[in-house]
Amino acid sequence: MHLAQANVARMRAPYDDPLMADFKAQLDIVNATADAAPGFVWRFVEDDEDGPEIARVFGADNVLFNLSVWESIGALETWVYSGKHLDVVRKRTKWFEKSARSPMVLWWVDDGHIPTIEEAGSRFEVLWRNGPSPGAFTFATRFETT
């Protein structure tokens, strides 16, 4: 089993707005550190055709979405709370609105499974509607593989 994770955050301005320039300037570096991190398996790479689907699933245009697969919770957590990514996390309120709901969801997937935008949306709905469960959880309330 591997761990899938998705994040969704509403940006304070459109991606090409000057407010987002600082964030955009760091994104390639942050993504490269994820790709090289121990335990990293796969990362969704958005193209122009994915934007409308992301907006449809999450109900907004100014949404930053990411989706990845990791070997374990520990591997993901180590990357999330270290290095360049942690620098961005600490400044997130500059670029992103505070969400009343969890902006991250975790769930277990079979080895080789590549999650979809739609699947991530469904996992968020389960988490937001029912709270943490084995099928949709957070770092704060974890469920091990079965």
N, C-alpha and C. Protein backbone atom coordinates (compact mmCIF):
# COMPACT_ATOMS: atom_id res chain seq x y z
N MET A 1 0.84 -1.19 0.00
CA MET A 1 0.00 0.00 0.00
C MET A 1 0.88 1.25 0.00
N HIS A 2 0.37 2.27 -0.64
CA HIS A 2 1.00 3.58 -0.64
C HIS A 2 0.00 4.62 -0.13
N LEU A 3 0.52 5.79 0.21
CA LEU A 3 -0.31 6.87 0.72
C LEU A 3 -0.54 7.91 -0.38
N ALA A 4 -1.82 8.20 -0.65
CA ALA A 4 -2.16 9.30 -1.56
C ALA A 4 -2.46 10.52 -0.71
N GLN A 5 -2.12 11.68 -1.23
CA GLN A 5 -2.45 12.93 -0.55
C GLN A 5 -2.88 13.94 -1.58
N ALA A 6 -3.84 14.75 -1.20
CA ALA A 6 -4.30 15.85 -2.06
C ALA A 6 -4.43 17.10 -1.21
N ASN A 7 -4.10 18.22 -1.81
CA ASN A 7 -4.28 19.53 -1.20
C ASN A 7 -5.09 20.38 -2.15
N VAL A 8 -5.95 21.20 -1.58
CA VAL A 8 -6.70 22.16 -2.37
C VAL A 8 -6.78 23.45 -1.56
N ALA A 9 -6.42 24.55 -2.21
CA ALA A 9 -6.42 25.83 -1.51
C ALA A 9 -6.89 26.93 -2.47
N ARG A 10 -7.74 27.80 -1.95
CA ARG A 10 -8.22 28.93 -2.76
C ARG A 10 -7.19 30.04 -2.70
N MET A 11 -6.71 30.44 -3.87
CA MET A 11 -5.72 31.50 -3.96
C MET A 11 -6.38 32.86 -3.70
N ARG A 12 -5.63 33.77 -3.14
CA ARG A 12 -6.13 35.12 -2.87
C ARG A 12 -6.29 35.92 -4.17
N ALA A 13 -5.65 35.48 -5.24
CA ALA A 13 -5.70 36.16 -6.53
C ALA A 13 -5.47 35.12 -7.62
N PRO A 14 -5.81 35.44 -8.87
CA PRO A 14 -5.51 34.50 -9.95
C PRO A 14 -4.01 34.17 -10.00
N TYR A 15 -3.69 33.01 -10.50
CA TYR A 15 -2.31 32.52 -10.52
C TYR A 15 -1.34 33.50 -11.18
N ASP A 16 -1.78 34.22 -12.21
CA ASP A 16 -0.90 35.15 -12.92
C ASP A 16 -0.88 36.55 -12.31
N ASP A 17 -1.59 36.77 -11.23
CA ASP A 17 -1.61 38.07 -10.56
C ASP A 17 -0.26 38.32 -9.87
N PRO A 18 0.19 39.57 -9.81
CA PRO A 18 1.45 39.88 -9.13
C PRO A 18 1.51 39.40 -7.67
N LEU A 19 0.37 39.31 -7.00
CA LEU A 19 0.35 38.82 -5.62
C LEU A 19 0.91 37.40 -5.53
N MET A 20 0.72 36.60 -6.57
CA MET A 20 1.15 35.21 -6.56
C MET A 20 2.58 35.01 -7.08
N ALA A 21 3.24 36.08 -7.52
CA ALA A 21 4.56 35.97 -8.15
C ALA A 21 5.58 35.30 -7.24
N ASP A 22 5.60 35.67 -5.98
CA ASP A 22 6.53 35.08 -5.01
C ASP A 22 6.31 33.57 -4.89
N PHE A 23 5.06 33.18 -4.82
CA PHE A 23 4.73 31.76 -4.73
C PHE A 23 5.15 31.03 -6.00
N LYS A 24 4.78 31.58 -7.15
CA LYS A 24 5.12 30.96 -8.44
C LYS A 24 6.62 30.78 -8.60
N ALA A 25 7.40 31.75 -8.13
CA ALA A 25 8.85 31.69 -8.27
C ALA A 25 9.45 30.51 -7.50
N GLN A 26 8.76 30.03 -6.47
CA GLN A 26 9.28 28.94 -5.65
C GLN A 26 8.73 27.57 -6.04
N LEU A 27 7.69 27.54 -6.85
CA LEU A 27 6.97 26.30 -7.10
C LEU A 27 7.82 25.21 -7.76
N ASP A 28 8.60 25.54 -8.76
CA ASP A 28 9.43 24.53 -9.42
C ASP A 28 10.45 23.93 -8.46
N ILE A 29 11.02 24.76 -7.61
CA ILE A 29 12.00 24.28 -6.63
C ILE A 29 11.33 23.35 -5.62
N VAL A 30 10.17 23.76 -5.12
CA VAL A 30 9.45 22.94 -4.15
C VAL A 30 9.06 21.60 -4.78
N ASN A 31 8.55 21.63 -6.00
CA ASN A 31 8.18 20.38 -6.67
C ASN A 31 9.39 19.49 -6.90
N ALA A 32 10.52 20.07 -7.24
CA ALA A 32 11.74 19.28 -7.44
C ALA A 32 12.19 18.61 -6.14
N THR A 33 12.02 19.31 -5.01
CA THR A 33 12.40 18.69 -3.74
C THR A 33 11.46 17.52 -3.42
N ALA A 34 10.19 17.63 -3.79
CA ALA A 34 9.26 16.51 -3.59
C ALA A 34 9.69 15.33 -4.47
N ASP A 35 9.94 15.61 -5.73
CA ASP A 35 10.31 14.54 -6.67
C ASP A 35 11.56 13.78 -6.21
N ALA A 36 12.47 14.47 -5.53
CA ALA A 36 13.73 13.86 -5.08
C ALA A 36 13.67 13.33 -3.64
N ALA A 37 12.55 13.55 -2.96
CA ALA A 37 12.45 13.16 -1.55
C ALA A 37 12.38 11.65 -1.37
N PRO A 38 13.02 11.14 -0.32
CA PRO A 38 12.87 9.71 -0.01
C PRO A 38 11.39 9.37 0.21
N GLY A 39 10.95 8.29 -0.41
CA GLY A 39 9.57 7.85 -0.25
C GLY A 39 8.58 8.42 -1.26
N PHE A 40 9.03 9.36 -2.10
CA PHE A 40 8.15 9.92 -3.13
C PHE A 40 7.92 8.86 -4.20
N VAL A 41 6.66 8.75 -4.68
CA VAL A 41 6.31 7.78 -5.71
C VAL A 41 5.86 8.48 -6.99
N TRP A 42 4.91 9.42 -6.89
CA TRP A 42 4.30 10.02 -8.07
C TRP A 42 3.68 11.35 -7.69
N ARG A 43 3.63 12.27 -8.68
CA ARG A 43 3.00 13.58 -8.48
C ARG A 43 2.20 13.95 -9.71
N PHE A 44 0.99 14.42 -9.52
CA PHE A 44 0.14 14.94 -10.58
C PHE A 44 0.78 16.20 -11.15
N VAL A 45 0.90 16.25 -12.46
CA VAL A 45 1.43 17.42 -13.14
C VAL A 45 0.31 17.97 -14.01
N GLU A 46 -0.18 19.14 -13.65
CA GLU A 46 -1.32 19.75 -14.32
C GLU A 46 -0.92 20.28 -15.69
N ASP A 47 -1.83 20.11 -16.65
CA ASP A 47 -1.66 20.78 -17.93
C ASP A 47 -2.91 21.63 -18.18
N ASP A 48 -2.94 22.35 -19.28
CA ASP A 48 -4.04 23.28 -19.55
C ASP A 48 -5.40 22.60 -19.56
N GLU A 49 -5.45 21.34 -19.95
CA GLU A 49 -6.72 20.63 -20.04
C GLU A 49 -7.28 20.25 -18.66
N ASP A 50 -6.43 20.24 -17.63
CA ASP A 50 -6.87 19.83 -16.29
C ASP A 50 -7.57 20.95 -15.53
N GLY A 51 -7.29 22.20 -15.87
CA GLY A 51 -7.86 23.34 -15.15
C GLY A 51 -9.37 23.30 -15.02
N PRO A 52 -10.10 23.10 -16.13
CA PRO A 52 -11.56 23.05 -16.01
C PRO A 52 -12.06 21.90 -15.14
N GLU A 53 -11.39 20.75 -15.18
CA GLU A 53 -11.83 19.63 -14.33
C GLU A 53 -11.58 19.95 -12.86
N ILE A 54 -10.44 20.55 -12.54
CA ILE A 54 -10.16 20.94 -11.16
C ILE A 54 -11.21 21.92 -10.67
N ALA A 55 -11.52 22.93 -11.50
CA ALA A 55 -12.54 23.92 -11.13
C ALA A 55 -13.90 23.26 -10.94
N ARG A 56 -14.25 22.29 -11.80
CA ARG A 56 -15.54 21.61 -11.69
C ARG A 56 -15.59 20.78 -10.40
N VAL A 57 -14.55 20.04 -10.10
CA VAL A 57 -14.54 19.17 -8.92
C VAL A 57 -14.54 19.99 -7.64
N PHE A 58 -13.80 21.11 -7.63
CA PHE A 58 -13.66 21.89 -6.39
C PHE A 58 -14.46 23.18 -6.38
N GLY A 59 -15.21 23.45 -7.44
CA GLY A 59 -16.17 24.54 -7.44
C GLY A 59 -15.60 25.94 -7.49
N ALA A 60 -14.37 26.11 -7.99
CA ALA A 60 -13.79 27.44 -8.07
C ALA A 60 -12.66 27.45 -9.09
N ASP A 61 -12.42 28.62 -9.68
CA ASP A 61 -11.34 28.76 -10.65
C ASP A 61 -9.99 29.05 -9.98
N ASN A 62 -9.99 29.84 -8.94
CA ASN A 62 -8.74 30.23 -8.29
C ASN A 62 -8.34 29.23 -7.22
N VAL A 63 -8.18 27.98 -7.64
CA VAL A 63 -7.83 26.91 -6.72
C VAL A 63 -6.48 26.33 -7.13
N LEU A 64 -5.62 26.18 -6.15
CA LEU A 64 -4.37 25.46 -6.38
C LEU A 64 -4.61 24.04 -5.87
N PHE A 65 -4.32 23.07 -6.71
CA PHE A 65 -4.57 21.66 -6.40
C PHE A 65 -3.28 20.89 -6.59
N ASN A 66 -2.99 20.01 -5.65
CA ASN A 66 -1.90 19.07 -5.90
C ASN A 66 -2.29 17.70 -5.36
N LEU A 67 -1.67 16.70 -5.95
CA LEU A 67 -2.01 15.31 -5.68
C LEU A 67 -0.72 14.52 -5.83
N SER A 68 -0.43 13.67 -4.86
CA SER A 68 0.80 12.87 -4.95
C SER A 68 0.61 11.54 -4.24
N VAL A 69 1.56 10.65 -4.47
CA VAL A 69 1.57 9.33 -3.82
C VAL A 69 2.94 9.14 -3.18
N TRP A 70 2.93 8.60 -1.96
CA TRP A 70 4.13 8.42 -1.16
C TRP A 70 4.17 7.00 -0.61
N GLU A 71 5.36 6.55 -0.25
CA GLU A 71 5.51 5.20 0.30
C GLU A 71 4.90 5.08 1.69
N SER A 72 4.86 6.20 2.44
CA SER A 72 4.37 6.13 3.82
C SER A 72 3.96 7.51 4.31
N ILE A 73 3.23 7.53 5.41
CA ILE A 73 2.89 8.80 6.06
C ILE A 73 4.17 9.51 6.51
N GLY A 74 5.09 8.75 7.07
CA GLY A 74 6.34 9.33 7.55
C GLY A 74 7.13 10.02 6.46
N ALA A 75 7.20 9.41 5.28
CA ALA A 75 7.93 10.01 4.17
C ALA A 75 7.29 11.33 3.75
N LEU A 76 5.97 11.35 3.62
CA LEU A 76 5.27 12.58 3.26
C LEU A 76 5.46 13.64 4.34
N GLU A 77 5.25 13.26 5.58
CA GLU A 77 5.34 14.22 6.68
C GLU A 77 6.75 14.83 6.78
N THR A 78 7.78 14.02 6.60
CA THR A 78 9.14 14.53 6.64
C THR A 78 9.35 15.59 5.57
N TRP A 79 8.85 15.34 4.36
CA TRP A 79 9.01 16.33 3.29
C TRP A 79 8.16 17.58 3.55
N VAL A 80 6.91 17.40 3.95
CA VAL A 80 6.00 18.54 4.17
C VAL A 80 6.58 19.52 5.19
N TYR A 81 7.15 19.01 6.26
CA TYR A 81 7.60 19.87 7.36
C TYR A 81 9.11 20.07 7.39
N SER A 82 9.70 20.20 6.20
CA SER A 82 11.13 20.47 6.15
C SER A 82 11.48 21.30 4.91
N GLY A 83 12.65 21.89 4.94
CA GLY A 83 13.25 22.55 3.79
C GLY A 83 12.41 23.63 3.15
N LYS A 84 12.53 23.70 1.84
CA LYS A 84 11.87 24.74 1.05
C LYS A 84 10.35 24.69 1.18
N HIS A 85 9.79 23.48 1.26
CA HIS A 85 8.33 23.38 1.40
C HIS A 85 7.87 24.01 2.70
N LEU A 86 8.58 23.78 3.78
CA LEU A 86 8.20 24.37 5.06
C LEU A 86 8.24 25.90 4.98
N ASP A 87 9.22 26.45 4.27
CA ASP A 87 9.28 27.91 4.09
C ASP A 87 7.99 28.43 3.44
N VAL A 88 7.52 27.72 2.43
CA VAL A 88 6.29 28.11 1.74
C VAL A 88 5.08 27.94 2.66
N VAL A 89 5.03 26.85 3.40
CA VAL A 89 3.92 26.61 4.33
C VAL A 89 3.81 27.76 5.33
N ARG A 90 4.92 28.21 5.83
CA ARG A 90 4.92 29.28 6.83
C ARG A 90 4.39 30.60 6.27
N LYS A 91 4.48 30.80 4.96
CA LYS A 91 4.03 32.05 4.33
C LYS A 91 2.69 31.89 3.60
N ARG A 92 2.03 30.75 3.76
CA ARG A 92 0.85 30.43 2.95
C ARG A 92 -0.28 31.46 3.04
N THR A 93 -0.44 32.13 4.18
CA THR A 93 -1.54 33.08 4.30
C THR A 93 -1.35 34.30 3.40
N LYS A 94 -0.15 34.51 2.92
CA LYS A 94 0.12 35.59 1.97
C LYS A 94 -0.55 35.31 0.63
N TRP A 95 -0.63 34.03 0.25
CA TRP A 95 -1.13 33.65 -1.08
C TRP A 95 -2.48 32.94 -1.06
N PHE A 96 -2.84 32.35 0.07
CA PHE A 96 -4.04 31.50 0.11
C PHE A 96 -4.99 31.92 1.23
N GLU A 97 -6.29 31.80 0.95
CA GLU A 97 -7.30 32.09 1.96
C GLU A 97 -7.31 30.97 3.00
N LYS A 98 -7.64 31.33 4.22
CA LYS A 98 -7.79 30.32 5.26
C LYS A 98 -9.09 29.55 5.00
N SER A 99 -8.99 28.26 5.06
CA SER A 99 -10.14 27.41 4.79
C SER A 99 -10.80 26.98 6.10
N ALA A 100 -12.12 26.93 6.09
CA ALA A 100 -12.85 26.42 7.24
C ALA A 100 -12.78 24.89 7.28
N ARG A 101 -12.43 24.27 6.16
CA ARG A 101 -12.34 22.81 6.07
C ARG A 101 -10.89 22.42 5.82
N SER A 102 -10.56 21.19 6.10
CA SER A 102 -9.20 20.71 5.90
C SER A 102 -8.79 20.89 4.43
N PRO A 103 -7.64 21.52 4.18
CA PRO A 103 -7.15 21.66 2.81
C PRO A 103 -6.37 20.44 2.33
N MET A 104 -6.22 19.44 3.21
CA MET A 104 -5.47 18.23 2.86
C MET A 104 -6.26 17.00 3.23
N VAL A 105 -6.16 15.99 2.37
CA VAL A 105 -6.76 14.69 2.67
C VAL A 105 -5.74 13.61 2.30
N LEU A 106 -5.71 12.57 3.13
CA LEU A 106 -4.84 11.42 2.92
C LEU A 106 -5.69 10.17 2.80
N TRP A 107 -5.23 9.20 2.01
CA TRP A 107 -5.89 7.90 1.94
C TRP A 107 -4.91 6.89 1.37
N TRP A 108 -5.17 5.63 1.67
CA TRP A 108 -4.30 4.55 1.20
C TRP A 108 -4.75 4.07 -0.17
N VAL A 109 -3.76 3.78 -1.03
CA VAL A 109 -4.04 3.24 -2.36
C VAL A 109 -3.16 2.00 -2.57
N ASP A 110 -3.62 1.12 -3.42
CA ASP A 110 -2.82 -0.05 -3.78
C ASP A 110 -1.57 0.39 -4.53
N ASP A 111 -0.51 -0.36 -4.38
CA ASP A 111 0.72 -0.09 -5.13
C ASP A 111 0.38 -0.03 -6.62
N GLY A 112 0.90 0.96 -7.30
CA GLY A 112 0.67 1.11 -8.74
C GLY A 112 -0.56 1.92 -9.09
N HIS A 113 -1.44 2.19 -8.13
CA HIS A 113 -2.64 2.96 -8.41
C HIS A 113 -2.29 4.45 -8.52
N ILE A 114 -2.78 5.10 -9.56
CA ILE A 114 -2.59 6.53 -9.76
C ILE A 114 -3.94 7.21 -9.51
N PRO A 115 -4.06 7.98 -8.43
CA PRO A 115 -5.34 8.63 -8.13
C PRO A 115 -5.67 9.73 -9.14
N THR A 116 -6.94 10.02 -9.26
CA THR A 116 -7.42 11.04 -10.20
C THR A 116 -7.91 12.27 -9.45
N ILE A 117 -8.14 13.34 -10.20
CA ILE A 117 -8.72 14.55 -9.62
C ILE A 117 -10.08 14.23 -9.01
N GLU A 118 -10.88 13.48 -9.74
CA GLU A 118 -12.22 13.09 -9.27
C GLU A 118 -12.14 12.27 -7.98
N GLU A 119 -11.20 11.35 -7.92
CA GLU A 119 -11.02 10.54 -6.71
C GLU A 119 -10.64 11.43 -5.52
N ALA A 120 -9.74 12.36 -5.74
CA ALA A 120 -9.34 13.28 -4.68
C ALA A 120 -10.55 14.09 -4.20
N GLY A 121 -11.36 14.57 -5.15
CA GLY A 121 -12.57 15.31 -4.78
C GLY A 121 -13.50 14.48 -3.93
N SER A 122 -13.65 13.21 -4.28
CA SER A 122 -14.51 12.32 -3.49
C SER A 122 -13.96 12.11 -2.08
N ARG A 123 -12.65 11.98 -1.97
CA ARG A 123 -12.03 11.80 -0.64
C ARG A 123 -12.21 13.05 0.21
N PHE A 124 -12.05 14.23 -0.40
CA PHE A 124 -12.31 15.46 0.35
C PHE A 124 -13.76 15.49 0.84
N GLU A 125 -14.70 15.14 -0.01
CA GLU A 125 -16.11 15.16 0.38
C GLU A 125 -16.36 14.25 1.57
N VAL A 126 -15.76 13.06 1.57
CA VAL A 126 -15.91 12.13 2.69
C VAL A 126 -15.34 12.76 3.96
N LEU A 127 -14.15 13.33 3.87
CA LEU A 127 -13.52 13.96 5.03
C LEU A 127 -14.35 15.13 5.54
N TRP A 128 -14.75 16.01 4.61
CA TRP A 128 -15.49 17.21 5.02
C TRP A 128 -16.88 16.89 5.58
N ARG A 129 -17.51 15.86 5.05
CA ARG A 129 -18.86 15.51 5.48
C ARG A 129 -18.86 14.68 6.77
N ASN A 130 -17.93 13.71 6.87
CA ASN A 130 -17.98 12.74 7.97
C ASN A 130 -16.83 12.85 8.97
N GLY A 131 -15.84 13.66 8.68
CA GLY A 131 -14.66 13.70 9.52
C GLY A 131 -13.70 12.58 9.14
N PRO A 132 -12.56 12.50 9.83
CA PRO A 132 -11.56 11.49 9.49
C PRO A 132 -12.09 10.07 9.63
N SER A 133 -11.67 9.24 8.67
CA SER A 133 -12.04 7.82 8.64
C SER A 133 -10.92 7.09 7.90
N PRO A 134 -10.94 5.76 7.88
CA PRO A 134 -9.88 5.05 7.16
C PRO A 134 -9.79 5.42 5.68
N GLY A 135 -10.87 5.89 5.09
CA GLY A 135 -10.86 6.23 3.67
C GLY A 135 -10.52 7.67 3.36
N ALA A 136 -10.41 8.52 4.38
CA ALA A 136 -10.12 9.95 4.17
C ALA A 136 -9.72 10.54 5.52
N PHE A 137 -8.43 10.84 5.68
CA PHE A 137 -7.96 11.30 6.98
C PHE A 137 -6.91 12.40 6.83
N THR A 138 -6.33 12.81 7.95
CA THR A 138 -5.35 13.89 7.97
C THR A 138 -4.15 13.45 8.82
N PHE A 139 -3.11 14.29 8.86
CA PHE A 139 -1.98 14.00 9.74
C PHE A 139 -2.44 13.94 11.19
N ALA A 140 -3.39 14.78 11.57
CA ALA A 140 -3.83 14.86 12.96
C ALA A 140 -4.58 13.61 13.40
N THR A 141 -5.33 12.98 12.50
CA THR A 141 -6.09 11.76 12.80
C THR A 141 -5.75 10.75 11.72
N ARG A 142 -4.82 9.88 12.04
CA ARG A 142 -4.27 8.94 11.04
C ARG A 142 -4.90 7.56 11.15
N PHE A 143 -4.93 6.90 10.03
CA PHE A 143 -5.37 5.51 9.98
C PHE A 143 -4.31 4.73 9.22
N GLU A 144 -3.88 3.63 9.81
CA GLU A 144 -2.87 2.80 9.16
C GLU A 144 -3.54 1.94 8.09
N THR A 145 -2.73 1.34 7.26
CA THR A 145 -3.25 0.46 6.21
C THR A 145 -3.91 -0.74 6.86
N THR A 146 -4.83 -1.35 6.15
CA THR A 146 -5.51 -2.52 6.70
C THR A 146 -4.99 -3.80 6.08
